[in-house]
């Protein structure tokens, strides 16, 4: 297990989950090999060993903290590609400029 958290959302709607959506959930979102693994995890309350459990490689070079990435994409409106092309220093300056231009201040 590599510590990665996989999530899916449960709808509060009364409608049934269609066959295609269910397949997408267990295969793509939860990265299971079969729906039987899903039910086994519910029954046993233990993590499933996935065939794709390979630790992700760390990104090369400097990284941007997640809080900074979120602020730039969600608050300042930059695209993920724009943010990921910046150094941490550039990203911090860009967020400070955003706060200055929009009458906000960082704490």
PDB file of N, CA and C in Angstrom:
ATOM      1  N   UNK A   1       0.845  -1.169   0.000  1.00  0.00           N
ATOM      2  CA  UNK A   1       0.000   0.000   0.000  1.00  0.00           C
ATOM      3  C   UNK A   1       0.893   1.235   0.000  1.00  0.00           C
ATOM      4  N   UNK A   2       0.588   2.212  -0.863  1.00  0.00           N
ATOM      5  CA  UNK A   2       1.446   3.376  -0.988  1.00  0.00           C
ATOM      6  C   UNK A   2       0.912   4.598  -0.258  1.00  0.00           C
ATOM      7  N   UNK A   3      -0.203   4.494   0.444  1.00  0.00           N
ATOM      8  CA  UNK A   3      -0.757   5.602   1.199  1.00  0.00           C
ATOM      9  C   UNK A   3      -1.674   6.502   0.402  1.00  0.00           C
ATOM     10  N   UNK A   4      -1.814   6.248  -0.881  1.00  0.00           N
ATOM     11  CA  UNK A   4      -2.705   7.048  -1.704  1.00  0.00           C
ATOM     12  C   UNK A   4      -4.152   6.797  -1.287  1.00  0.00           C
ATOM     13  N   UNK A   5      -4.935   7.870  -1.169  1.00  0.00           N
ATOM     14  CA  UNK A   5      -6.340   7.747  -0.798  1.00  0.00           C
ATOM     15  C   UNK A   5      -7.181   7.877  -2.056  1.00  0.00           C
ATOM     16  N   UNK A   6      -7.978   6.860  -2.329  1.00  0.00           N
ATOM     17  CA  UNK A   6      -8.870   6.869  -3.480  1.00  0.00           C
ATOM     18  C   UNK A   6     -10.267   7.133  -2.975  1.00  0.00           C
ATOM     19  N   UNK A   7     -11.024   7.981  -3.669  1.00  0.00           N
ATOM     20  CA  UNK A   7     -12.350   8.363  -3.213  1.00  0.00           C
ATOM     21  C   UNK A   7     -13.353   8.325  -4.353  1.00  0.00           C
ATOM     22  N   UNK A   8     -14.588   8.190  -3.954  1.00  0.00           N
ATOM     23  CA  UNK A   8     -15.710   8.342  -4.864  1.00  0.00           C
ATOM     24  C   UNK A   8     -16.807   8.999  -4.067  1.00  0.00           C
ATOM     25  N   UNK A   9     -17.783   9.555  -4.724  1.00  0.00           N
ATOM     26  CA  UNK A   9     -18.885  10.203  -4.028  1.00  0.00           C
ATOM     27  C   UNK A   9     -20.145   9.371  -4.162  1.00  0.00           C
ATOM     28  N   UNK A  10     -20.925   9.349  -3.104  1.00  0.00           N
ATOM     29  CA  UNK A  10     -22.210   8.661  -3.137  1.00  0.00           C
ATOM     30  C   UNK A  10     -23.295   9.704  -3.366  1.00  0.00           C
ATOM     31  N   UNK A  11     -24.094   9.474  -4.362  1.00  0.00           N
ATOM     32  CA  UNK A  11     -25.185  10.389  -4.667  1.00  0.00           C
ATOM     33  C   UNK A  11     -26.307  10.206  -3.659  1.00  0.00           C
ATOM     34  N   UNK A  12     -26.999  11.271  -3.360  1.00  0.00           N
ATOM     35  CA  UNK A  12     -28.148  11.198  -2.462  1.00  0.00           C
ATOM     36  C   UNK A  12     -29.443  11.012  -3.255  1.00  0.00           C
ATOM     37  N   UNK A  13     -29.324  10.872  -4.553  1.00  0.00           N
ATOM     38  CA  UNK A  13     -30.506  10.715  -5.406  1.00  0.00           C
ATOM     39  C   UNK A  13     -31.132   9.338  -5.194  1.00  0.00           C
ATOM     40  N   UNK A  14     -32.404   9.243  -5.513  1.00  0.00           N
ATOM     41  CA  UNK A  14     -33.104   7.973  -5.371  1.00  0.00           C
ATOM     42  C   UNK A  14     -32.858   7.034  -6.550  1.00  0.00           C
ATOM     43  N   UNK A  15     -32.319   7.553  -7.629  1.00  0.00           N
ATOM     44  CA  UNK A  15     -32.111   6.746  -8.833  1.00  0.00           C
ATOM     45  C   UNK A  15     -30.989   5.734  -8.611  1.00  0.00           C
ATOM     46  N   UNK A  16     -31.096   4.604  -9.279  1.00  0.00           N
ATOM     47  CA  UNK A  16     -30.062   3.578  -9.212  1.00  0.00           C
ATOM     48  C   UNK A  16     -28.835   4.031  -9.993  1.00  0.00           C
ATOM     49  N   UNK A  17     -27.690   3.510  -9.593  1.00  0.00           N
ATOM     50  CA  UNK A  17     -26.457   3.761 -10.349  1.00  0.00           C
ATOM     51  C   UNK A  17     -26.486   2.839 -11.558  1.00  0.00           C
ATOM     52  N   UNK A  18     -26.314   3.418 -12.732  1.00  0.00           N
ATOM     53  CA  UNK A  18     -26.328   2.625 -13.955  1.00  0.00           C
ATOM     54  C   UNK A  18     -25.110   1.726 -14.061  1.00  0.00           C
ATOM     55  N   UNK A  19     -25.208   0.733 -14.913  1.00  0.00           N
ATOM     56  CA  UNK A  19     -24.135  -0.247 -15.108  1.00  0.00           C
ATOM     57  C   UNK A  19     -22.824   0.427 -15.534  1.00  0.00           C
ATOM     58  N   UNK A  20     -22.901   1.384 -16.460  1.00  0.00           N
ATOM     59  CA  UNK A  20     -21.687   2.060 -16.940  1.00  0.00           C
ATOM     60  C   UNK A  20     -21.036   2.897 -15.837  1.00  0.00           C
ATOM     61  N   UNK A  21     -21.858   3.618 -15.073  1.00  0.00           N
ATOM     62  CA  UNK A  21     -21.325   4.438 -13.988  1.00  0.00           C
ATOM     63  C   UNK A  21     -20.708   3.559 -12.907  1.00  0.00           C
ATOM     64  N   UNK A  22     -21.381   2.472 -12.551  1.00  0.00           N
ATOM     65  CA  UNK A  22     -20.851   1.552 -11.545  1.00  0.00           C
ATOM     66  C   UNK A  22     -19.497   0.997 -11.986  1.00  0.00           C
ATOM     67  N   UNK A  23     -19.377   0.614 -13.245  1.00  0.00           N
ATOM     68  CA  UNK A  23     -18.114   0.104 -13.783  1.00  0.00           C
ATOM     69  C   UNK A  23     -17.025   1.177 -13.659  1.00  0.00           C
ATOM     70  N   UNK A  24     -17.354   2.399 -13.999  1.00  0.00           N
ATOM     71  CA  UNK A  24     -16.406   3.523 -13.903  1.00  0.00           C
ATOM     72  C   UNK A  24     -15.963   3.728 -12.455  1.00  0.00           C
ATOM     73  N   UNK A  25     -16.889   3.623 -11.516  1.00  0.00           N
ATOM     74  CA  UNK A  25     -16.552   3.846 -10.108  1.00  0.00           C
ATOM     75  C   UNK A  25     -15.540   2.820  -9.612  1.00  0.00           C
ATOM     76  N   UNK A  26     -15.855   1.516  -9.749  1.00  0.00           N
ATOM     77  CA  UNK A  26     -14.939   0.524  -9.178  1.00  0.00           C
ATOM     78  C   UNK A  26     -13.653   0.383  -9.972  1.00  0.00           C
ATOM     79  N   UNK A  27     -13.702   0.596 -11.298  1.00  0.00           N
ATOM     80  CA  UNK A  27     -12.499   0.422 -12.105  1.00  0.00           C
ATOM     81  C   UNK A  27     -11.606   1.668 -12.092  1.00  0.00           C
ATOM     82  N   UNK A  28     -12.176   2.837 -12.385  1.00  0.00           N
ATOM     83  CA  UNK A  28     -11.365   4.045 -12.567  1.00  0.00           C
ATOM     84  C   UNK A  28     -11.144   4.831 -11.278  1.00  0.00           C
ATOM     85  N   UNK A  29     -12.215   5.051 -10.515  1.00  0.00           N
ATOM     86  CA  UNK A  29     -12.059   5.862  -9.308  1.00  0.00           C
ATOM     87  C   UNK A  29     -11.417   5.085  -8.163  1.00  0.00           C
ATOM     88  N   UNK A  30     -11.825   3.843  -7.983  1.00  0.00           N
ATOM     89  CA  UNK A  30     -11.305   3.040  -6.875  1.00  0.00           C
ATOM     90  C   UNK A  30     -10.174   2.105  -7.287  1.00  0.00           C
ATOM     91  N   UNK A  31      -9.901   2.037  -8.590  1.00  0.00           N
ATOM     92  CA  UNK A  31      -8.798   1.255  -9.147  1.00  0.00           C
ATOM     93  C   UNK A  31      -8.820  -0.215  -8.719  1.00  0.00           C
ATOM     94  N   UNK A  32      -9.985  -0.808  -8.810  1.00  0.00           N
ATOM     95  CA  UNK A  32     -10.129  -2.218  -8.492  1.00  0.00           C
ATOM     96  C   UNK A  32     -10.104  -3.042  -9.772  1.00  0.00           C
ATOM     97  N   UNK A  33      -9.750  -4.310  -9.640  1.00  0.00           N
ATOM     98  CA  UNK A  33      -9.738  -5.207 -10.790  1.00  0.00           C
ATOM     99  C   UNK A  33     -11.115  -5.797 -11.071  1.00  0.00           C
ATOM    100  N   UNK A  34     -11.963  -5.838 -10.038  1.00  0.00           N
ATOM    101  CA  UNK A  34     -13.311  -6.389 -10.216  1.00  0.00           C
ATOM    102  C   UNK A  34     -14.240  -5.807  -9.157  1.00  0.00           C
ATOM    103  N   UNK A  35     -15.525  -5.881  -9.429  1.00  0.00           N
ATOM    104  CA  UNK A  35     -16.479  -5.401  -8.441  1.00  0.00           C
ATOM    105  C   UNK A  35     -16.499  -6.311  -7.210  1.00  0.00           C
ATOM    106  N   UNK A  36     -16.070  -7.557  -7.363  1.00  0.00           N
ATOM    107  CA  UNK A  36     -15.978  -8.469  -6.217  1.00  0.00           C
ATOM    108  C   UNK A  36     -15.025  -7.917  -5.154  1.00  0.00           C
ATOM    109  N   UNK A  37     -13.959  -7.237  -5.597  1.00  0.00           N
ATOM    110  CA  UNK A  37     -13.028  -6.637  -4.648  1.00  0.00           C
ATOM    111  C   UNK A  37     -13.716  -5.558  -3.823  1.00  0.00           C
ATOM    112  N   UNK A  38     -14.602  -4.798  -4.444  1.00  0.00           N
ATOM    113  CA  UNK A  38     -15.354  -3.760  -3.735  1.00  0.00           C
ATOM    114  C   UNK A  38     -16.147  -4.388  -2.589  1.00  0.00           C
ATOM    115  N   UNK A  39     -16.897  -5.437  -2.899  1.00  0.00           N
ATOM    116  CA  UNK A  39     -17.737  -6.070  -1.889  1.00  0.00           C
ATOM    117  C   UNK A  39     -16.899  -6.791  -0.827  1.00  0.00           C
ATOM    118  N   UNK A  40     -15.739  -7.324  -1.225  1.00  0.00           N
ATOM    119  CA  UNK A  40     -14.831  -7.943  -0.258  1.00  0.00           C
ATOM    120  C   UNK A  40     -14.306  -6.909   0.732  1.00  0.00           C
ATOM    121  N   UNK A  41     -13.971  -5.716   0.249  1.00  0.00           N
ATOM    122  CA  UNK A  41     -13.500  -4.645   1.132  1.00  0.00           C
ATOM    123  C   UNK A  41     -14.598  -4.227   2.110  1.00  0.00           C
ATOM    124  N   UNK A  42     -15.826  -4.144   1.642  1.00  0.00           N
ATOM    125  CA  UNK A  42     -16.934  -3.815   2.547  1.00  0.00           C
ATOM    126  C   UNK A  42     -17.115  -4.895   3.608  1.00  0.00           C
ATOM    127  N   UNK A  43     -17.055  -6.152   3.171  1.00  0.00           N
ATOM    128  CA  UNK A  43     -17.270  -7.272   4.089  1.00  0.00           C
ATOM    129  C   UNK A  43     -16.142  -7.377   5.121  1.00  0.00           C
ATOM    130  N   UNK A  44     -14.896  -7.327   4.656  1.00  0.00           N
ATOM    131  CA  UNK A  44     -13.746  -7.544   5.535  1.00  0.00           C
ATOM    132  C   UNK A  44     -13.298  -6.289   6.274  1.00  0.00           C
ATOM    133  N   UNK A  45     -13.688  -5.124   5.754  1.00  0.00           N
ATOM    134  CA  UNK A  45     -13.256  -3.835   6.306  1.00  0.00           C
ATOM    135  C   UNK A  45     -11.733  -3.676   6.262  1.00  0.00           C
ATOM    136  N   UNK A  46     -11.109  -4.308   5.253  1.00  0.00           N
ATOM    137  CA  UNK A  46      -9.664  -4.222   5.062  1.00  0.00           C
ATOM    138  C   UNK A  46      -9.361  -3.712   3.662  1.00  0.00           C
ATOM    139  N   UNK A  47      -8.223  -3.013   3.510  1.00  0.00           N
ATOM    140  CA  UNK A  47      -7.843  -2.520   2.176  1.00  0.00           C
ATOM    141  C   UNK A  47      -7.628  -3.669   1.198  1.00  0.00           C
ATOM    142  N   UNK A  48      -7.884  -3.386  -0.044  1.00  0.00           N
ATOM    143  CA  UNK A  48      -7.692  -4.361  -1.116  1.00  0.00           C
ATOM    144  C   UNK A  48      -6.306  -4.160  -1.718  1.00  0.00           C
ATOM    145  N   UNK A  49      -5.595  -5.236  -1.932  1.00  0.00           N
ATOM    146  CA  UNK A  49      -4.315  -5.163  -2.640  1.00  0.00           C
ATOM    147  C   UNK A  49      -4.625  -5.013  -4.118  1.00  0.00           C
ATOM    148  N   UNK A  50      -4.226  -3.913  -4.679  1.00  0.00           N
ATOM    149  CA  UNK A  50      -4.503  -3.636  -6.083  1.00  0.00           C
ATOM    150  C   UNK A  50      -3.327  -4.040  -6.940  1.00  0.00           C
ATOM    151  N   UNK A  51      -3.622  -4.472  -8.140  1.00  0.00           N
ATOM    152  CA  UNK A  51      -2.548  -4.827  -9.069  1.00  0.00           C
ATOM    153  C   UNK A  51      -1.793  -3.586  -9.520  1.00  0.00           C
ATOM    154  N   UNK A  52      -2.387  -2.416  -9.331  1.00  0.00           N
ATOM    155  CA  UNK A  52      -1.732  -1.171  -9.741  1.00  0.00           C
ATOM    156  C   UNK A  52      -1.121  -0.438  -8.544  1.00  0.00           C
ATOM    157  N   UNK A  53      -0.916  -1.152  -7.415  1.00  0.00           N
ATOM    158  CA  UNK A  53      -0.317  -0.540  -6.234  1.00  0.00           C
ATOM    159  C   UNK A  53       1.182  -0.346  -6.423  1.00  0.00           C
ATOM    160  N   UNK A  54       1.528   0.644  -7.192  1.00  0.00           N
ATOM    161  CA  UNK A  54       2.923   0.989  -7.419  1.00  0.00           C
ATOM    162  C   UNK A  54       3.118   2.384  -6.861  1.00  0.00           C
ATOM    163  N   UNK A  55       4.080   2.558  -5.971  1.00  0.00           N
ATOM    164  CA  UNK A  55       4.275   3.886  -5.408  1.00  0.00           C
ATOM    165  C   UNK A  55       4.545   4.908  -6.503  1.00  0.00           C
ATOM    166  N   UNK A  56       3.875   6.065  -6.425  1.00  0.00           N
ATOM    167  CA  UNK A  56       4.129   7.082  -7.437  1.00  0.00           C
ATOM    168  C   UNK A  56       5.534   7.645  -7.298  1.00  0.00           C
ATOM    169  N   UNK A  57       6.126   7.980  -8.405  1.00  0.00           N
ATOM    170  CA  UNK A  57       7.451   8.593  -8.381  1.00  0.00           C
ATOM    171  C   UNK A  57       7.298  10.045  -7.950  1.00  0.00           C
ATOM    172  N   UNK A  58       8.202  10.520  -7.110  1.00  0.00           N
ATOM    173  CA  UNK A  58       8.115  11.926  -6.738  1.00  0.00           C
ATOM    174  C   UNK A  58       8.399  12.796  -7.962  1.00  0.00           C
ATOM    175  N   UNK A  59       7.742  13.946  -8.029  1.00  0.00           N
ATOM    176  CA  UNK A  59       7.995  14.820  -9.168  1.00  0.00           C
ATOM    177  C   UNK A  59       9.433  15.323  -9.145  1.00  0.00           C
ATOM    178  N   UNK A  60      10.012  15.534 -10.319  1.00  0.00           N
ATOM    179  CA  UNK A  60      11.381  16.039 -10.352  1.00  0.00           C
ATOM    180  C   UNK A  60      11.421  17.513  -9.943  1.00  0.00           C
ATOM    181  N   UNK A  61      12.475  17.884  -9.277  1.00  0.00           N
ATOM    182  CA  UNK A  61      12.670  19.286  -8.934  1.00  0.00           C
ATOM    183  C   UNK A  61      11.787  19.762  -7.799  1.00  0.00           C
ATOM    184  N   UNK A  62      11.703  21.066  -7.702  1.00  0.00           N
ATOM    185  CA  UNK A  62      10.951  21.728  -6.643  1.00  0.00           C
ATOM    186  C   UNK A  62       9.448  21.540  -6.852  1.00  0.00           C
ATOM    187  N   UNK A  63       8.703  21.427  -5.763  1.00  0.00           N
ATOM    188  CA  UNK A  63       7.252  21.316  -5.852  1.00  0.00           C
ATOM    189  C   UNK A  63       6.595  22.493  -5.155  1.00  0.00           C
ATOM    190  N   UNK A  64       5.326  22.697  -5.479  1.00  0.00           N
ATOM    191  CA  UNK A  64       4.526  23.765  -4.876  1.00  0.00           C
ATOM    192  C   UNK A  64       3.623  23.128  -3.833  1.00  0.00           C
ATOM    193  N   UNK A  65       3.563  23.683  -2.617  1.00  0.00           N
ATOM    194  CA  UNK A  65       2.681  23.117  -1.596  1.00  0.00           C
ATOM    195  C   UNK A  65       1.224  23.114  -2.067  1.00  0.00           C
ATOM    196  N   UNK A  66       0.481  22.137  -1.620  1.00  0.00           N
ATOM    197  CA  UNK A  66      -0.903  22.001  -2.066  1.00  0.00           C
ATOM    198  C   UNK A  66      -1.743  23.222  -1.715  1.00  0.00           C
ATOM    199  N   UNK A  67      -1.523  23.840  -0.566  1.00  0.00           N
ATOM    200  CA  UNK A  67      -2.312  25.012  -0.192  1.00  0.00           C
ATOM    201  C   UNK A  67      -2.109  26.134  -1.202  1.00  0.00           C
ATOM    202  N   UNK A  68      -0.887  26.277  -1.700  1.00  0.00           N
ATOM    203  CA  UNK A  68      -0.576  27.323  -2.667  1.00  0.00           C
ATOM    204  C   UNK A  68      -1.205  27.000  -4.017  1.00  0.00           C
ATOM    205  N   UNK A  69      -1.112  25.746  -4.419  1.00  0.00           N
ATOM    206  CA  UNK A  69      -1.747  25.290  -5.663  1.00  0.00           C
ATOM    207  C   UNK A  69      -3.255  25.545  -5.616  1.00  0.00           C
ATOM    208  N   UNK A  70      -3.891  25.191  -4.506  1.00  0.00           N
ATOM    209  CA  UNK A  70      -5.346  25.378  -4.366  1.00  0.00           C
ATOM    210  C   UNK A  70      -5.702  26.861  -4.418  1.00  0.00           C
ATOM    211  N   UNK A  71      -4.964  27.694  -3.727  1.00  0.00           N
ATOM    212  CA  UNK A  71      -5.254  29.129  -3.734  1.00  0.00           C
ATOM    213  C   UNK A  71      -5.122  29.723  -5.133  1.00  0.00           C
ATOM    214  N   UNK A  72      -4.101  29.311  -5.845  1.00  0.00           N
ATOM    215  CA  UNK A  72      -3.901  29.860  -7.190  1.00  0.00           C
ATOM    216  C   UNK A  72      -4.945  29.363  -8.183  1.00  0.00           C
ATOM    217  N   UNK A  73      -5.355  28.108  -8.069  1.00  0.00           N
ATOM    218  CA  UNK A  73      -6.344  27.581  -9.018  1.00  0.00           C
ATOM    219  C   UNK A  73      -7.766  27.919  -8.615  1.00  0.00           C
ATOM    220  N   UNK A  74      -8.099  27.796  -7.348  1.00  0.00           N
ATOM    221  CA  UNK A  74      -9.483  27.992  -6.910  1.00  0.00           C
ATOM    222  C   UNK A  74      -9.815  29.456  -6.610  1.00  0.00           C
ATOM    223  N   UNK A  75      -8.870  30.186  -6.058  1.00  0.00           N
ATOM    224  CA  UNK A  75      -9.137  31.571  -5.674  1.00  0.00           C
ATOM    225  C   UNK A  75      -8.683  32.558  -6.742  1.00  0.00           C
ATOM    226  N   UNK A  76      -7.461  32.391  -7.229  1.00  0.00           N
ATOM    227  CA  UNK A  76      -6.923  33.339  -8.206  1.00  0.00           C
ATOM    228  C   UNK A  76      -7.323  33.002  -9.638  1.00  0.00           C
ATOM    229  N   UNK A  77      -7.846  31.799  -9.871  1.00  0.00           N
ATOM    230  CA  UNK A  77      -8.358  31.442 -11.188  1.00  0.00           C
ATOM    231  C   UNK A  77      -7.327  31.026 -12.220  1.00  0.00           C
ATOM    232  N   UNK A  78      -6.130  30.673 -11.786  1.00  0.00           N
ATOM    233  CA  UNK A  78      -5.128  30.193 -12.741  1.00  0.00           C
ATOM    234  C   UNK A  78      -5.431  28.747 -13.116  1.00  0.00           C
ATOM    235  N   UNK A  79      -4.983  28.345 -14.266  1.00  0.00           N
ATOM    236  CA  UNK A  79      -5.173  26.957 -14.683  1.00  0.00           C
ATOM    237  C   UNK A  79      -4.128  26.081 -13.984  1.00  0.00           C
ATOM    238  N   UNK A  80      -4.403  24.797 -13.828  1.00  0.00           N
ATOM    239  CA  UNK A  80      -3.400  23.912 -13.239  1.00  0.00           C
ATOM    240  C   UNK A  80      -2.079  23.952 -14.009  1.00  0.00           C
ATOM    241  N   UNK A  81      -2.152  24.023 -15.323  1.00  0.00           N
ATOM    242  CA  UNK A  81      -0.932  24.066 -16.136  1.00  0.00           C
ATOM    243  C   UNK A  81      -0.103  25.311 -15.825  1.00  0.00           C
ATOM    244  N   UNK A  82      -0.776  26.454 -15.646  1.00  0.00           N
ATOM    245  CA  UNK A  82      -0.046  27.684 -15.314  1.00  0.00           C
ATOM    246  C   UNK A  82       0.688  27.537 -13.980  1.00  0.00           C
ATOM    247  N   UNK A  83      -0.022  27.017 -12.993  1.00  0.00           N
ATOM    248  CA  UNK A  83       0.568  26.881 -11.660  1.00  0.00           C
ATOM    249  C   UNK A  83       1.726  25.892 -11.676  1.00  0.00           C
ATOM    250  N   UNK A  84       1.532  24.758 -12.346  1.00  0.00           N
ATOM    251  CA  UNK A  84       2.571  23.730 -12.350  1.00  0.00           C
ATOM    252  C   UNK A  84       3.818  24.136 -13.127  1.00  0.00           C
ATOM    253  N   UNK A  85       3.702  25.165 -13.945  1.00  0.00           N
ATOM    254  CA  UNK A  85       4.875  25.636 -14.685  1.00  0.00           C
ATOM    255  C   UNK A  85       5.697  26.640 -13.873  1.00  0.00           C
ATOM    256  N   UNK A  86       5.204  27.027 -12.682  1.00  0.00           N
ATOM    257  CA  UNK A  86       5.874  28.025 -11.842  1.00  0.00           C
ATOM    258  C   UNK A  86       6.787  27.374 -10.814  1.00  0.00           C
ATOM    259  N   UNK A  87       7.799  28.135 -10.417  1.00  0.00           N
ATOM    260  CA  UNK A  87       8.575  27.731  -9.237  1.00  0.00           C
ATOM    261  C   UNK A  87       7.754  28.131  -8.013  1.00  0.00           C
ATOM    262  N   UNK A  88       8.153  27.647  -6.866  1.00  0.00           N
ATOM    263  CA  UNK A  88       7.436  28.022  -5.639  1.00  0.00           C
ATOM    264  C   UNK A  88       7.497  29.537  -5.423  1.00  0.00           C
ATOM    265  N   UNK A  89       8.644  30.119  -5.670  1.00  0.00           N
ATOM    266  CA  UNK A  89       8.797  31.565  -5.492  1.00  0.00           C
ATOM    267  C   UNK A  89       7.876  32.337  -6.444  1.00  0.00           C
ATOM    268  N   UNK A  90       7.813  31.920  -7.693  1.00  0.00           N
ATOM    269  CA  UNK A  90       6.912  32.572  -8.660  1.00  0.00           C
ATOM    270  C   UNK A  90       5.451  32.430  -8.224  1.00  0.00           C
ATOM    271  N   UNK A  91       5.099  31.262  -7.745  1.00  0.00           N
ATOM    272  CA  UNK A  91       3.722  31.026  -7.310  1.00  0.00           C
ATOM    273  C   UNK A  91       3.369  31.895  -6.109  1.00  0.00           C
ATOM    274  N   UNK A  92       4.282  32.014  -5.158  1.00  0.00           N
ATOM    275  CA  UNK A  92       4.034  32.861  -3.988  1.00  0.00           C
ATOM    276  C   UNK A  92       3.884  34.328  -4.388  1.00  0.00           C
ATOM    277  N   UNK A  93       4.734  34.790  -5.316  1.00  0.00           N
ATOM    278  CA  UNK A  93       4.618  36.173  -5.798  1.00  0.00           C
ATOM    279  C   UNK A  93       3.294  36.397  -6.514  1.00  0.00           C
ATOM    280  N   UNK A  94       2.883  35.422  -7.329  1.00  0.00           N
ATOM    281  CA  UNK A  94       1.623  35.539  -8.079  1.00  0.00           C
ATOM    282  C   UNK A  94       0.429  35.601  -7.142  1.00  0.00           C
ATOM    283  N   UNK A  95       0.438  34.810  -6.073  1.00  0.00           N
ATOM    284  CA  UNK A  95      -0.661  34.843  -5.106  1.00  0.00           C
ATOM    285  C   UNK A  95      -0.671  36.168  -4.346  1.00  0.00           C
ATOM    286  N   UNK A  96       0.509  36.658  -3.967  1.00  0.00           N
ATOM    287  CA  UNK A  96       0.595  37.955  -3.287  1.00  0.00           C
ATOM    288  C   UNK A  96       0.063  39.060  -4.190  1.00  0.00           C
ATOM    289  N   UNK A  97       0.409  39.019  -5.473  1.00  0.00           N
ATOM    290  CA  UNK A  97      -0.093  40.014  -6.426  1.00  0.00           C
ATOM    291  C   UNK A  97      -1.609  39.928  -6.546  1.00  0.00           C
ATOM    292  N   UNK A  98      -2.142  38.714  -6.582  1.00  0.00           N
ATOM    293  CA  UNK A  98      -3.594  38.544  -6.662  1.00  0.00           C
ATOM    294  C   UNK A  98      -4.266  39.203  -5.459  1.00  0.00           C
ATOM    295  N   UNK A  99      -3.748  38.924  -4.245  1.00  0.00           N
ATOM    296  CA  UNK A  99      -4.339  39.506  -3.038  1.00  0.00           C
ATOM    297  C   UNK A  99      -4.243  41.035  -3.057  1.00  0.00           C
ATOM    298  N   UNK A 100      -3.127  41.564  -3.521  1.00  0.00           N
ATOM    299  CA  UNK A 100      -2.949  43.009  -3.603  1.00  0.00           C
ATOM    300  C   UNK A 100      -3.937  43.640  -4.580  1.00  0.00           C
ATOM    301  N   UNK A 101      -4.093  43.033  -5.749  1.00  0.00           N
ATOM    302  CA  UNK A 101      -4.991  43.555  -6.785  1.00  0.00           C
ATOM    303  C   UNK A 101      -6.473  43.437  -6.409  1.00  0.00           C
ATOM    304  N   UNK A 102      -6.797  42.501  -5.540  1.00  0.00           N
ATOM    305  CA  UNK A 102      -8.195  42.266  -5.192  1.00  0.00           C
ATOM    306  C   UNK A 102      -8.535  42.686  -3.768  1.00  0.00           C
ATOM    307  N   UNK A 103      -7.665  43.505  -3.163  1.00  0.00           N
ATOM    308  CA  UNK A 103      -7.954  44.071  -1.855  1.00  0.00           C
ATOM    309  C   UNK A 103      -7.937  43.071  -0.712  1.00  0.00           C
ATOM    310  N   UNK A 104      -7.252  41.976  -0.894  1.00  0.00           N
ATOM    311  CA  UNK A 104      -7.138  40.979   0.170  1.00  0.00           C
ATOM    312  C   UNK A 104      -5.692  40.949   0.626  1.00  0.00           C
ATOM    313  N   UNK A 105      -5.519  40.370   1.773  1.00  0.00           N
ATOM    314  CA  UNK A 105      -4.148  40.211   2.254  1.00  0.00           C
ATOM    315  C   UNK A 105      -3.943  38.802   2.765  1.00  0.00           C
ATOM    316  N   UNK A 106      -2.718  38.331   2.626  1.00  0.00           N
ATOM    317  CA  UNK A 106      -2.404  36.984   3.138  1.00  0.00           C
ATOM    318  C   UNK A 106      -2.027  37.114   4.602  1.00  0.00           C
ATOM    319  N   UNK A 107      -2.209  36.005   5.317  1.00  0.00           N
ATOM    320  CA  UNK A 107      -1.897  36.026   6.746  1.00  0.00           C
ATOM    321  C   UNK A 107      -0.803  35.054   7.069  1.00  0.00           C
TER     322      UNK A 107
END
